[in-house]
Amino acid sequence: MTIKTRTLVKTALASALAASLSLPAQAAEPNTLTIVAQQATTWVKNFNPFNVVSGLHTTRHFMFEPLVVFNDMKGGTPHFRLATDYQYSDDLKSLTFTLRQGVKWSDGEAFNADDVVYSFNLLNQHQELDELAVWSKISKVEKLNDHQVKVSINQVDTNLIYDLVLVPIVPEHQWKNVEDPVSFTNAEPVGSGPFTEVERFTAQVYTQCRNPHYWDADNLGVDCLRMPQLANNDQVLAAAVAGQLDWFGSFIPDVDKIYVGANPDHHKYWYPPSGTVAFNINFESPNPNNRMAFQDVNFRRAFSMAMDRQAMVDVAGYGYPTVNEYPSGLGATFHSWNNPDVDAKYGQFNKFNLDEAKKLLDQSGYLDKDGDGFRDNPDGSPIEFSVLVPNGWTDWVNTVQIGVEGLQAMGINAKVSTPEAPVWTDKLKNGDFDAALQGYFAGANPHKYFETAFHSRNMGPVGNRFAANRFIDIDLDRLLDAFASTADDAKRRELLNQAQERVGANQTIIPVFNNPSWYQYNDARFVGWFNAENAQAKPQLHPDTPERLLHVLNLRPRS
């Protein structure tokens, strides 16, 4: 661990402790769950469920209920919500959802197939809203009757169901009058989920309370969700230590001492393994000099060998993550799918080795041509870039700092840049960056990780932030498409073996570790929390975890 890195971590810890000592206690309202689903410098009233950049993170699932929640921790077991069933046709070219009868929107209007058809068509009409590019995979969505909707599929995709159920379902009778659904902030929302009533909204705190017409009200033991404005991990930790938070998910240094130790009877955590975290290099960097370096596999391999993964885990992550040296980025979560031949051929490039990294750069012509102390491209043009990481994500910021130290140690002019999380997301989606730290999905099988990270259909503003590297490999696309076109396990394994080969050979990303599932809770006021003894589903509160709906429905006030 370098002195610079030690200082960075100790400073963050000291500021959190100082804040916790000065924070005043707050009394929680009865049956109000205080949560941190999002860190921000101020709240802006935006309940548009399609807006992943600036929309509030308590909108999906809590305000707009999904058709189905698939439980990744249980191998993709379906929990039916607005839908009660789904069926593929015999040729696997269409999928029919059966909708739950008797459901009402929060304004009392009946929910039916028209709402589902409208919501899907909205993505077709406004592709900026189509986060997972579902309309690249389907041709038509049609109403069969008031409680059945048929989705026609362009080509067989047995994993498509997992994306379809992530499409937010909104009320047609409200949204059909919206002039611009992309910029619409939905300040007076009408929803189907458990918490639709915005009873209080300020720049510092807002509260979502019970839907008066919620179809599953009998299973709801929480009356309101309360979201205090907290800008970074230090502020979250201060509020948590003071006992002001019920449910959150943040990096906490020395969690047993700092958080649990503040109230051993009620402060708890559970960190089941999660998805891969990796550095992305933008193959289409807006800077032509950087782009020249980034498109050279030897430069990417040297970048990877400059990453001290163990220090990132031990120092930045306090030992909570798991080192990921898999050339494919697959990680320990999916080790049973790993192709050992890929490890044998490319594993050396995913281990920390500064001496070999420098040799590789020397051999490839990346030398200091102008005497400024930094390496240049073989043609003499300078290489200089920033690595983006969201402000306030303490463990990730420290990870990037360690990575940048490694890059600088081998003569690369790199630095850390910490935009706000929405800006980071927007830059990744639009390709307006050079390098960034990125996190990926886990999923019920590895296909979701590979598909969202590497398939060319997901690259660009109408795609997602996960395919930010913009390395287009048509052969890899074909392998991933073929995986989703068969239910034959042996064939799927062979296809994934080939996909790992292509990702590893090209050093498409630079994996460093597998994140734990950041999840902490305070059971002083509510019981029913998911934990190692009650491992019902993924416990995170983040908006890419639909299982959080199952979690909140499992909570009850402590008697």
Protein backbone atom coordinates (compact mmCIF):
# COMPACT_ATOMS: atom_id res chain seq x y z
CA MET A 1 0.00 0.00 0.00
CA THR A 2 1.42 3.38 -0.95
CA ILE A 3 1.61 6.32 1.48
CA LYS A 4 -0.67 8.29 -0.82
CA THR A 5 -3.32 5.56 -0.75
CA ARG A 6 -3.10 5.08 3.02
CA THR A 7 -3.63 8.80 3.51
CA LEU A 8 -6.64 8.83 1.20
CA VAL A 9 -8.41 6.03 3.05
CA LYS A 10 -7.57 7.34 6.53
CA THR A 11 -8.81 10.81 5.62
CA ALA A 12 -12.16 9.43 4.44
CA LEU A 13 -12.53 7.39 7.62
CA ALA A 14 -11.64 10.32 9.87
CA SER A 15 -14.14 12.64 8.19
CA ALA A 16 -16.91 10.08 8.53
CA LEU A 17 -16.22 9.58 12.21
CA ALA A 18 -16.09 13.33 12.84
CA ALA A 19 -19.41 13.79 11.07
CA SER A 20 -21.03 10.99 13.05
CA LEU A 21 -20.07 12.61 16.34
CA SER A 22 -21.65 15.94 15.41
CA LEU A 23 -24.81 14.66 13.72
CA PRO A 24 -28.03 15.34 15.65
CA ALA A 25 -30.43 12.48 16.24
CA GLN A 26 -33.70 12.41 14.31
CA ALA A 27 -36.89 10.74 15.35
CA ALA A 28 -38.33 8.44 12.70
CA GLU A 29 -42.07 8.46 12.06
CA PRO A 30 -43.93 5.24 12.91
CA ASN A 31 -43.78 2.64 10.10
CA THR A 32 -41.65 4.94 7.95
CA LEU A 33 -38.61 3.22 6.52
CA THR A 34 -35.63 5.56 6.14
CA ILE A 35 -33.50 4.44 3.23
CA VAL A 36 -30.63 5.55 1.01
CA ALA A 37 -31.29 4.33 -2.52
CA GLN A 38 -29.26 7.15 -4.04
CA GLN A 39 -26.61 9.71 -3.12
CA ALA A 40 -27.09 13.26 -4.40
CA THR A 41 -26.23 16.85 -3.54
CA THR A 42 -29.90 17.86 -3.78
CA TRP A 43 -33.22 16.27 -4.66
CA VAL A 44 -34.91 17.17 -7.93
CA LYS A 45 -38.51 16.01 -8.29
CA ASN A 46 -38.26 13.57 -11.19
CA PHE A 47 -40.32 10.38 -11.00
CA ASN A 48 -39.93 9.40 -14.65
CA PRO A 49 -39.20 5.64 -14.46
CA PHE A 50 -37.57 5.62 -17.89
CA ASN A 51 -35.00 8.24 -16.94
CA VAL A 52 -31.95 6.37 -15.64
CA VAL A 53 -29.75 9.47 -15.60
CA SER A 54 -31.65 11.99 -13.47
CA GLY A 55 -34.75 10.10 -12.30
CA LEU A 56 -35.10 9.37 -8.60
CA HIS A 57 -34.00 5.87 -7.63
CA THR A 58 -37.13 5.08 -5.62
CA THR A 59 -39.29 5.28 -8.74
CA ARG A 60 -38.92 1.86 -10.32
CA HIS A 61 -40.32 -1.10 -8.38
CA PHE A 62 -41.57 1.04 -5.47
CA MET A 63 -43.73 3.43 -7.52
CA PHE A 64 -44.05 1.42 -10.74
CA GLU A 65 -44.34 -2.29 -10.14
CA PRO A 66 -42.78 -4.68 -12.69
CA LEU A 67 -44.57 -7.48 -14.50
CA VAL A 68 -42.34 -10.12 -12.94
CA VAL A 69 -39.39 -10.10 -10.53
CA PHE A 70 -36.83 -12.81 -11.30
CA ASN A 71 -34.83 -13.88 -8.27
CA ASP A 72 -31.20 -14.13 -9.35
CA MET A 73 -30.14 -15.63 -6.04
CA LYS A 74 -32.60 -18.48 -6.60
CA GLY A 75 -31.56 -19.27 -10.18
CA GLY A 76 -34.06 -16.89 -11.74
CA THR A 77 -37.20 -18.07 -9.94
CA PRO A 78 -40.11 -15.84 -11.06
CA HIS A 79 -42.17 -13.81 -8.56
CA PHE A 80 -45.26 -12.63 -10.42
CA ARG A 81 -46.39 -9.06 -9.83
CA LEU A 82 -48.43 -7.19 -12.49
CA ALA A 83 -48.31 -10.40 -14.52
CA THR A 84 -49.43 -13.78 -13.23
CA ASP A 85 -47.86 -15.91 -15.95
CA TYR A 86 -45.86 -15.87 -19.17
CA GLN A 87 -45.62 -18.44 -21.95
CA TYR A 88 -43.37 -18.81 -25.00
CA SER A 89 -44.91 -20.04 -28.22
CA ASP A 90 -43.84 -23.46 -29.51
CA ASP A 91 -41.40 -21.88 -31.97
CA LEU A 92 -40.05 -19.53 -29.26
CA LYS A 93 -40.79 -16.53 -31.52
CA SER A 94 -43.40 -14.92 -29.28
CA LEU A 95 -44.10 -14.49 -25.60
CA THR A 96 -47.50 -13.94 -24.00
CA PHE A 97 -47.97 -12.30 -20.61
CA THR A 98 -51.11 -12.95 -18.59
CA LEU A 99 -51.85 -9.88 -16.46
CA ARG A 100 -53.15 -9.74 -12.92
CA GLN A 101 -56.83 -8.86 -12.72
CA GLY A 102 -58.23 -6.35 -10.24
CA VAL A 103 -55.13 -4.12 -10.18
CA LYS A 104 -55.73 -0.36 -10.03
CA TRP A 105 -53.47 2.59 -10.58
CA SER A 106 -52.99 4.90 -7.61
CA ASP A 107 -55.67 7.28 -8.97
CA GLY A 108 -58.23 4.47 -9.02
CA GLU A 109 -58.17 3.76 -12.78
CA ALA A 110 -58.06 0.09 -13.77
CA PHE A 111 -54.80 -1.43 -14.99
CA ASN A 112 -55.04 -3.54 -18.14
CA ALA A 113 -53.30 -4.66 -21.31
CA ASP A 114 -53.58 -1.21 -22.90
CA ASP A 115 -51.09 0.13 -20.32
CA VAL A 116 -48.55 -2.58 -21.10
CA VAL A 117 -48.82 -2.17 -24.87
CA TYR A 118 -48.57 1.62 -24.53
CA SER A 119 -45.47 1.40 -22.31
CA PHE A 120 -43.60 -0.86 -24.74
CA ASN A 121 -44.59 1.23 -27.75
CA LEU A 122 -43.39 4.33 -25.94
CA LEU A 123 -39.86 2.91 -26.11
CA ASN A 124 -40.24 2.33 -29.83
CA GLN A 125 -41.37 5.91 -30.41
CA HIS A 126 -38.65 7.38 -28.15
CA GLN A 127 -35.55 5.24 -28.42
CA GLU A 128 -33.72 7.37 -25.85
CA LEU A 129 -35.93 5.67 -23.26
CA ASP A 130 -35.09 2.15 -24.43
CA GLU A 131 -32.28 1.50 -21.94
CA LEU A 132 -31.85 -2.19 -22.79
CA ALA A 133 -32.60 -1.81 -26.51
CA VAL A 134 -35.55 -4.21 -26.34
CA TRP A 135 -36.94 -2.91 -29.63
CA SER A 136 -33.87 -4.27 -31.40
CA LYS A 137 -35.09 -7.72 -30.36
CA ILE A 138 -38.89 -7.50 -30.77
CA SER A 139 -41.11 -6.58 -33.72
CA LYS A 140 -44.53 -6.02 -32.20
CA VAL A 141 -46.41 -5.81 -28.91
CA GLU A 142 -50.14 -6.43 -29.17
CA LYS A 143 -53.17 -6.75 -26.95
CA LEU A 144 -54.91 -10.11 -27.14
CA ASN A 145 -57.57 -9.18 -24.59
CA ASP A 146 -57.80 -6.97 -21.50
CA HIS A 147 -55.45 -9.24 -19.56
CA GLN A 148 -53.13 -10.74 -22.16
CA VAL A 149 -50.30 -9.14 -24.14
CA LYS A 150 -48.30 -10.84 -26.88
CA VAL A 151 -44.70 -9.83 -27.64
CA SER A 152 -43.40 -10.95 -31.05
CA ILE A 153 -39.66 -11.68 -31.13
CA ASN A 154 -37.34 -11.07 -34.09
CA GLN A 155 -35.26 -14.14 -33.39
CA VAL A 156 -35.26 -16.79 -30.70
CA ASP A 157 -33.88 -15.39 -27.44
CA THR A 158 -34.50 -17.48 -24.36
CA ASN A 159 -32.99 -14.75 -22.15
CA LEU A 160 -35.15 -11.94 -23.52
CA ILE A 161 -37.75 -12.34 -20.78
CA TYR A 162 -35.25 -10.95 -18.25
CA ASP A 163 -35.03 -7.68 -20.20
CA LEU A 164 -38.72 -7.40 -21.05
CA VAL A 165 -39.79 -7.38 -17.42
CA LEU A 166 -37.43 -4.47 -16.72
CA VAL A 167 -39.49 -2.16 -18.98
CA PRO A 168 -41.42 0.21 -16.68
CA ILE A 169 -45.19 -0.06 -17.08
CA VAL A 170 -46.88 3.37 -16.90
CA PRO A 171 -50.58 4.40 -17.05
CA GLU A 172 -51.66 5.14 -20.61
CA HIS A 173 -54.44 7.48 -19.46
CA GLN A 174 -51.84 9.82 -17.91
CA TRP A 175 -48.85 9.43 -20.22
CA LYS A 176 -50.72 9.72 -23.53
CA ASN A 177 -51.09 13.44 -22.77
CA VAL A 178 -47.37 13.93 -22.14
CA GLU A 179 -45.81 16.01 -24.91
CA ASP A 180 -42.21 14.86 -24.40
CA PRO A 181 -41.81 11.61 -22.39
CA VAL A 182 -38.02 11.96 -22.51
CA SER A 183 -37.88 15.25 -20.58
CA PHE A 184 -41.07 14.59 -18.57
CA THR A 185 -40.34 14.75 -14.82
CA ASN A 186 -43.63 13.14 -13.71
CA ALA A 187 -43.88 15.43 -10.70
CA GLU A 188 -47.40 14.18 -9.89
CA PRO A 189 -46.98 10.45 -10.46
CA VAL A 190 -49.69 7.86 -10.90
CA GLY A 191 -48.24 4.43 -10.18
CA SER A 192 -49.03 0.77 -9.55
CA GLY A 193 -46.48 -0.02 -6.84
CA PRO A 194 -46.67 0.10 -3.05
CA PHE A 195 -45.38 3.69 -2.58
CA THR A 196 -46.92 6.21 -4.97
CA GLU A 197 -48.00 9.15 -2.79
CA VAL A 198 -45.36 11.89 -2.49
CA GLU A 199 -46.41 13.44 0.81
CA ARG A 200 -43.33 15.62 1.27
CA PHE A 201 -40.68 16.83 -1.15
CA THR A 202 -37.85 19.27 -0.47
CA ALA A 203 -34.28 19.54 -1.69
CA GLN A 204 -33.16 17.78 1.53
CA VAL A 205 -35.75 15.03 2.04
CA TYR A 206 -38.74 13.42 0.37
CA THR A 207 -41.27 10.82 1.41
CA GLN A 208 -43.20 8.26 -0.66
CA CYS A 209 -46.20 6.71 1.07
CA ARG A 210 -48.76 3.99 0.50
CA ASN A 211 -50.62 3.61 -2.75
CA PRO A 212 -54.28 3.82 -1.67
CA HIS A 213 -55.22 1.22 -4.29
CA TYR A 214 -52.25 -1.15 -4.03
CA TRP A 215 -53.35 -4.65 -4.99
CA ASP A 216 -50.97 -6.36 -2.51
CA ALA A 217 -51.64 -4.04 0.44
CA ASP A 218 -52.27 -6.96 2.80
CA ASN A 219 -48.61 -7.94 2.48
CA LEU A 220 -47.28 -4.42 3.00
CA GLY A 221 -46.08 -3.62 6.53
CA VAL A 222 -44.29 -0.35 5.73
CA ASP A 223 -46.33 2.85 5.38
CA CYS A 224 -43.76 5.22 3.86
CA LEU A 225 -40.27 5.42 2.44
CA ARG A 226 -38.20 8.38 3.60
CA MET A 227 -35.18 9.50 1.55
CA PRO A 228 -32.84 11.99 3.25
CA GLN A 229 -30.43 13.86 0.98
CA LEU A 230 -26.92 12.51 1.55
CA ALA A 231 -24.18 13.39 -0.90
CA ASN A 232 -21.50 10.77 -0.32
CA ASN A 233 -20.45 7.69 1.63
CA ASP A 234 -19.09 9.76 4.52
CA GLN A 235 -22.46 11.44 5.08
CA VAL A 236 -24.25 8.10 4.77
CA LEU A 237 -21.93 6.59 7.36
CA ALA A 238 -22.49 9.50 9.74
CA ALA A 239 -26.27 9.06 9.54
CA ALA A 240 -25.98 5.28 9.84
CA VAL A 241 -23.74 5.38 12.93
CA ALA A 242 -26.20 7.82 14.52
CA GLY A 243 -28.99 5.26 13.99
CA GLN A 244 -30.92 7.41 11.50
CA LEU A 245 -31.02 4.90 8.63
CA ASP A 246 -32.93 1.65 8.35
CA TRP A 247 -31.74 0.34 4.97
CA PHE A 248 -28.81 1.37 2.81
CA GLY A 249 -25.89 -0.05 0.86
CA SER A 250 -22.58 1.79 1.04
CA PHE A 251 -18.92 1.07 1.41
CA ILE A 252 -18.02 1.30 5.11
CA PRO A 253 -14.38 0.93 6.13
CA ASP A 254 -13.98 -1.61 8.96
CA VAL A 255 -17.73 -2.20 9.07
CA ASP A 256 -17.64 -4.33 12.23
CA LYS A 257 -15.90 -1.66 14.24
CA ILE A 258 -17.41 1.49 12.77
CA TYR A 259 -21.03 0.52 12.03
CA VAL A 260 -21.83 -2.67 13.96
CA GLY A 261 -19.78 -1.48 16.93
CA ALA A 262 -21.95 1.64 17.27
CA ASN A 263 -25.00 -0.53 18.08
CA PRO A 264 -24.19 -4.27 18.12
CA ASP A 265 -27.78 -5.27 18.88
CA HIS A 266 -29.28 -3.70 15.77
CA HIS A 267 -26.63 -2.56 13.25
CA LYS A 268 -26.04 -5.41 10.79
CA TYR A 269 -24.80 -6.18 7.28
CA TRP A 270 -24.63 -8.95 4.70
CA TYR A 271 -22.28 -8.92 1.69
CA PRO A 272 -23.13 -11.75 -0.73
CA PRO A 273 -20.97 -11.77 -3.89
CA SER A 274 -22.02 -9.65 -6.82
CA GLY A 275 -20.91 -8.60 -10.30
CA THR A 276 -17.57 -7.76 -11.87
CA VAL A 277 -15.93 -4.35 -11.51
CA ALA A 278 -13.55 -3.40 -14.32
CA PHE A 279 -11.76 -0.50 -15.93
CA ASN A 280 -13.16 0.42 -19.33
CA ILE A 281 -10.99 1.92 -22.04
CA ASN A 282 -12.99 3.73 -24.71
CA PHE A 283 -11.92 2.26 -28.06
CA GLU A 284 -13.56 5.29 -29.72
CA SER A 285 -12.08 7.93 -27.43
CA PRO A 286 -12.88 11.49 -28.52
CA ASN A 287 -9.13 12.20 -28.24
CA PRO A 288 -7.37 10.77 -31.34
CA ASN A 289 -4.04 10.37 -29.56
CA ASN A 290 -5.59 8.36 -26.76
CA ARG A 291 -7.68 6.42 -29.26
CA MET A 292 -4.50 5.33 -31.05
CA ALA A 293 -3.13 3.84 -27.81
CA PHE A 294 -6.42 2.36 -26.66
CA GLN A 295 -6.88 0.41 -29.90
CA ASP A 296 -3.56 -1.39 -29.37
CA VAL A 297 -4.03 -4.62 -27.44
CA ASN A 298 -0.49 -4.36 -26.03
CA PHE A 299 -1.31 -0.99 -24.48
CA ARG A 300 -4.47 -2.47 -22.95
CA ARG A 301 -2.54 -5.43 -21.59
CA ALA A 302 0.07 -3.15 -20.04
CA PHE A 303 -2.74 -1.08 -18.49
CA SER A 304 -4.12 -4.28 -16.99
CA MET A 305 -0.75 -5.40 -15.61
CA ALA A 306 -0.37 -2.01 -13.87
CA MET A 307 -3.46 -2.69 -11.75
CA ASP A 308 -2.63 -3.79 -8.21
CA ARG A 309 -5.83 -5.77 -7.71
CA GLN A 310 -4.93 -7.06 -4.26
CA ALA A 311 -4.34 -3.52 -3.00
CA MET A 312 -7.67 -2.47 -4.48
CA VAL A 313 -9.39 -5.24 -2.53
CA ASP A 314 -7.42 -4.87 0.71
CA VAL A 315 -7.03 -1.09 0.84
CA ALA A 316 -9.86 0.46 -1.16
CA GLY A 317 -12.31 -2.34 -0.41
CA TYR A 318 -11.16 -3.24 3.12
CA GLY A 319 -11.04 -6.88 2.04
CA TYR A 320 -14.73 -7.09 1.13
CA PRO A 321 -14.45 -7.63 -2.67
CA THR A 322 -12.83 -10.63 -4.38
CA VAL A 323 -9.84 -10.26 -6.71
CA ASN A 324 -10.81 -10.85 -10.36
CA GLU A 325 -7.91 -11.95 -12.58
CA TYR A 326 -10.12 -13.71 -15.13
CA PRO A 327 -9.21 -12.55 -18.68
CA SER A 328 -12.91 -12.66 -19.54
CA GLY A 329 -13.90 -10.79 -16.39
CA LEU A 330 -16.20 -13.69 -15.53
CA GLY A 331 -15.18 -13.65 -11.88
CA ALA A 332 -15.60 -16.06 -9.01
CA THR A 333 -19.39 -15.67 -9.06
CA PHE A 334 -19.51 -17.70 -12.29
CA HIS A 335 -16.36 -19.78 -11.85
CA SER A 336 -18.26 -22.94 -12.79
CA TRP A 337 -18.53 -21.51 -16.32
CA ASN A 338 -14.86 -20.57 -16.59
CA ASN A 339 -12.74 -21.66 -19.56
CA PRO A 340 -9.31 -22.67 -18.16
CA ASP A 341 -7.70 -22.49 -21.62
CA VAL A 342 -8.37 -18.73 -21.65
CA ASP A 343 -6.68 -18.41 -18.25
CA ALA A 344 -3.65 -20.31 -19.51
CA LYS A 345 -3.24 -18.12 -22.60
CA TYR A 346 -4.07 -14.65 -21.28
CA GLY A 347 -4.01 -14.88 -17.49
CA GLN A 348 -0.53 -13.30 -17.29
CA PHE A 349 -1.94 -10.02 -18.59
CA ASN A 350 -4.46 -9.84 -15.74
CA LYS A 351 -1.98 -10.05 -12.90
CA PHE A 352 -0.14 -7.11 -11.32
CA ASN A 353 3.35 -6.96 -12.83
CA LEU A 354 4.76 -3.47 -13.37
CA ASP A 355 8.11 -4.67 -14.72
CA GLU A 356 6.47 -6.75 -17.45
CA ALA A 357 4.02 -3.93 -18.20
CA LYS A 358 6.91 -1.52 -18.78
CA LYS A 359 8.70 -4.06 -21.01
CA LEU A 360 5.57 -4.54 -23.10
CA LEU A 361 5.21 -0.79 -23.59
CA ASP A 362 8.91 -0.46 -24.47
CA GLN A 363 8.67 -3.26 -27.03
CA SER A 364 5.54 -1.68 -28.54
CA GLY A 365 7.19 1.72 -29.03
CA TYR A 366 5.50 3.65 -26.20
CA LEU A 367 8.47 5.74 -25.11
CA ASP A 368 8.98 9.21 -23.67
CA LYS A 369 9.67 11.01 -26.95
CA ASP A 370 9.54 14.62 -25.67
CA GLY A 371 11.30 14.24 -22.30
CA ASP A 372 8.31 15.28 -20.15
CA GLY A 373 8.49 12.11 -18.04
CA PHE A 374 5.50 10.42 -19.70
CA ARG A 375 5.28 7.87 -22.47
CA ASP A 376 3.98 8.90 -25.89
CA ASN A 377 2.50 7.00 -28.82
CA PRO A 378 5.00 5.43 -31.24
CA ASP A 379 4.42 8.40 -33.59
CA GLY A 380 5.34 10.84 -30.80
CA SER A 381 1.84 12.12 -30.03
CA PRO A 382 1.13 12.52 -26.29
CA ILE A 383 -1.09 10.20 -24.28
CA GLU A 384 -3.01 11.93 -21.49
CA PHE A 385 -6.34 10.90 -20.02
CA SER A 386 -8.58 10.87 -16.96
CA VAL A 387 -10.24 7.84 -15.39
CA LEU A 388 -13.85 8.61 -14.43
CA VAL A 389 -15.41 7.39 -11.18
CA PRO A 390 -18.55 8.73 -9.46
CA ASN A 391 -18.01 11.33 -6.77
CA GLY A 392 -18.74 10.02 -3.29
CA TRP A 393 -18.28 6.33 -4.14
CA THR A 394 -15.40 6.14 -1.68
CA ASP A 395 -14.23 2.58 -2.34
CA TRP A 396 -14.33 3.06 -6.11
CA VAL A 397 -12.57 6.43 -5.92
CA ASN A 398 -9.81 4.81 -3.87
CA THR A 399 -9.68 1.93 -6.38
CA VAL A 400 -9.18 4.35 -9.26
CA GLN A 401 -6.52 6.20 -7.27
CA ILE A 402 -4.58 2.95 -6.87
CA GLY A 403 -5.04 2.22 -10.58
CA VAL A 404 -3.82 5.67 -11.58
CA GLU A 405 -0.79 5.26 -9.32
CA GLY A 406 0.05 2.09 -11.24
CA LEU A 407 -0.37 3.82 -14.60
CA GLN A 408 1.81 6.72 -13.54
CA ALA A 409 4.45 4.32 -12.21
CA MET A 410 4.89 2.88 -15.70
CA GLY A 411 4.96 6.34 -17.28
CA ILE A 412 1.37 6.90 -18.36
CA ASN A 413 -0.05 10.40 -17.84
CA ALA A 414 -3.34 9.49 -16.18
CA LYS A 415 -5.36 11.14 -13.42
CA VAL A 416 -8.60 10.67 -11.49
CA SER A 417 -11.82 12.50 -12.40
CA THR A 418 -14.87 12.36 -10.08
CA PRO A 419 -18.06 13.65 -11.74
CA GLU A 420 -21.45 13.19 -10.10
CA ALA A 421 -22.96 9.75 -10.73
CA PRO A 422 -25.58 10.95 -13.29
CA VAL A 423 -22.83 12.71 -15.28
CA TRP A 424 -20.65 9.58 -15.13
CA THR A 425 -23.57 7.49 -16.43
CA ASP A 426 -24.30 9.93 -19.23
CA LYS A 427 -20.65 10.07 -20.33
CA LEU A 428 -20.41 6.29 -20.44
CA LYS A 429 -23.59 5.99 -22.50
CA ASN A 430 -22.52 8.70 -24.93
CA GLY A 431 -18.85 7.75 -25.23
CA ASP A 432 -17.67 11.10 -23.89
CA PHE A 433 -14.75 9.71 -21.88
CA ASP A 434 -11.35 8.05 -22.17
CA ALA A 435 -11.35 5.57 -19.30
CA ALA A 436 -13.68 4.77 -16.40
CA LEU A 437 -14.35 2.30 -13.62
CA GLN A 438 -17.45 0.27 -14.42
CA GLY A 439 -19.61 -2.29 -12.62
CA TYR A 440 -21.56 -5.11 -14.26
CA PHE A 441 -24.59 -7.28 -13.61
CA ALA A 442 -24.33 -10.77 -12.17
CA GLY A 443 -27.62 -12.39 -13.21
CA ALA A 444 -29.01 -15.90 -13.17
CA ASN A 445 -26.30 -17.01 -15.64
CA PRO A 446 -23.25 -15.30 -17.22
CA HIS A 447 -25.11 -14.28 -20.38
CA LYS A 448 -26.46 -11.06 -18.85
CA TYR A 449 -22.95 -9.91 -18.00
CA PHE A 450 -21.58 -10.73 -21.46
CA GLU A 451 -24.60 -9.38 -23.33
CA THR A 452 -24.77 -6.02 -21.56
CA ALA A 453 -21.00 -5.56 -21.49
CA PHE A 454 -19.97 -6.60 -25.00
CA HIS A 455 -22.82 -6.91 -27.49
CA SER A 456 -22.66 -4.13 -30.07
CA ARG A 457 -26.41 -3.56 -29.90
CA ASN A 458 -25.94 -2.09 -26.43
CA MET A 459 -23.36 0.50 -27.44
CA GLY A 460 -24.27 4.15 -27.86
CA PRO A 461 -26.81 6.60 -26.47
CA VAL A 462 -29.77 4.27 -27.13
CA GLY A 463 -27.97 1.38 -25.47
CA ASN A 464 -26.70 1.14 -21.90
CA ARG A 465 -23.72 2.37 -19.88
CA PHE A 466 -22.32 -1.15 -19.50
CA ALA A 467 -21.09 -1.48 -23.11
CA ALA A 468 -19.15 1.76 -22.77
CA ASN A 469 -15.89 0.35 -24.17
CA ARG A 470 -17.30 0.45 -27.74
CA PHE A 471 -15.27 -2.50 -28.98
CA ILE A 472 -17.39 -4.06 -31.71
CA ASP A 473 -16.77 -7.75 -32.29
CA ILE A 474 -19.32 -9.24 -34.69
CA ASP A 475 -18.16 -12.79 -34.00
CA LEU A 476 -18.71 -12.21 -30.29
CA ASP A 477 -22.18 -10.84 -31.06
CA ARG A 478 -22.97 -14.07 -32.92
CA LEU A 479 -21.82 -16.23 -30.02
CA LEU A 480 -23.96 -14.31 -27.54
CA ASP A 481 -26.97 -14.45 -29.85
CA ALA A 482 -26.50 -18.19 -30.28
CA PHE A 483 -26.32 -18.68 -26.51
CA ALA A 484 -29.76 -17.06 -26.19
CA SER A 485 -31.15 -19.17 -29.06
CA THR A 486 -30.79 -22.54 -27.39
CA ALA A 487 -31.77 -24.26 -24.19
CA ASP A 488 -29.08 -26.95 -24.63
CA ASP A 489 -26.71 -26.59 -21.66
CA ALA A 490 -23.76 -28.29 -23.37
CA LYS A 491 -24.07 -26.04 -26.40
CA ARG A 492 -24.39 -22.98 -24.18
CA ARG A 493 -21.19 -23.88 -22.36
CA GLU A 494 -19.25 -24.28 -25.60
CA LEU A 495 -20.55 -20.93 -26.89
CA LEU A 496 -19.53 -19.23 -23.66
CA ASN A 497 -16.09 -20.84 -23.82
CA GLN A 498 -15.62 -19.22 -27.24
CA ALA A 499 -16.94 -15.88 -25.98
CA GLN A 500 -14.41 -15.93 -23.13
CA GLU A 501 -11.65 -16.57 -25.67
CA ARG A 502 -12.59 -13.49 -27.71
CA VAL A 503 -12.85 -11.19 -24.69
CA GLY A 504 -9.61 -12.47 -23.17
CA ALA A 505 -7.63 -12.31 -26.41
CA ASN A 506 -8.63 -8.70 -26.99
CA GLN A 507 -8.34 -7.50 -23.37
CA THR A 508 -11.71 -5.90 -24.06
CA ILE A 509 -12.02 -4.77 -20.44
CA ILE A 510 -9.66 -4.73 -17.46
CA PRO A 511 -11.34 -6.62 -14.61
CA VAL A 512 -10.02 -5.94 -11.12
CA PHE A 513 -12.44 -7.43 -8.58
CA ASN A 514 -15.93 -8.69 -7.92
CA ASN A 515 -17.94 -6.33 -5.80
CA PRO A 516 -19.68 -7.56 -2.70
CA SER A 517 -23.38 -6.78 -2.54
CA TRP A 518 -23.25 -3.65 -0.39
CA TYR A 519 -26.08 -3.97 2.09
CA GLN A 520 -26.44 -2.71 5.64
CA TYR A 521 -29.53 -2.46 7.81
CA ASN A 522 -30.76 -1.42 11.24
CA ASP A 523 -33.36 -3.82 12.65
CA ALA A 524 -34.32 -1.65 15.65
CA ARG A 525 -37.68 -0.71 14.12
CA PHE A 526 -38.39 -3.35 11.45
CA VAL A 527 -37.93 -7.12 11.19
CA GLY A 528 -37.90 -9.50 8.23
CA TRP A 529 -34.59 -8.36 6.76
CA PHE A 530 -32.80 -10.54 4.21
CA ASN A 531 -29.51 -11.89 5.55
CA ALA A 532 -27.37 -15.03 5.56
CA GLU A 533 -29.94 -16.82 7.72
CA ASN A 534 -32.85 -15.46 5.67
CA ALA A 535 -31.30 -15.49 2.19
CA GLN A 536 -34.49 -15.03 0.22
CA ALA A 537 -33.10 -12.76 -2.52
CA LYS A 538 -30.46 -10.16 -3.36
CA PRO A 539 -30.68 -7.60 -0.54
CA GLN A 540 -29.42 -4.43 -2.23
CA LEU A 541 -31.51 -1.28 -2.35
CA HIS A 542 -30.10 -0.02 -5.64
CA PRO A 543 -32.48 0.57 -8.60
CA ASP A 544 -30.97 -2.24 -10.70
CA THR A 545 -32.19 -4.76 -8.10
CA PRO A 546 -35.89 -5.53 -8.68
CA GLU A 547 -35.74 -7.97 -5.76
CA ARG A 548 -35.80 -4.94 -3.46
CA LEU A 549 -39.58 -4.99 -3.95
CA LEU A 550 -39.70 -8.51 -2.46
CA HIS A 551 -37.51 -7.26 0.37
CA VAL A 552 -39.70 -4.32 1.39
CA LEU A 553 -42.78 -6.56 1.27
CA ASN A 554 -41.08 -8.89 3.75
CA LEU A 555 -40.56 -6.17 6.37
CA ARG A 556 -42.81 -5.65 9.37
CA PRO A 557 -42.65 -3.13 12.24
CA ARG A 558 -40.96 -4.52 15.31
CA SER A 559 -43.64 -5.15 17.91
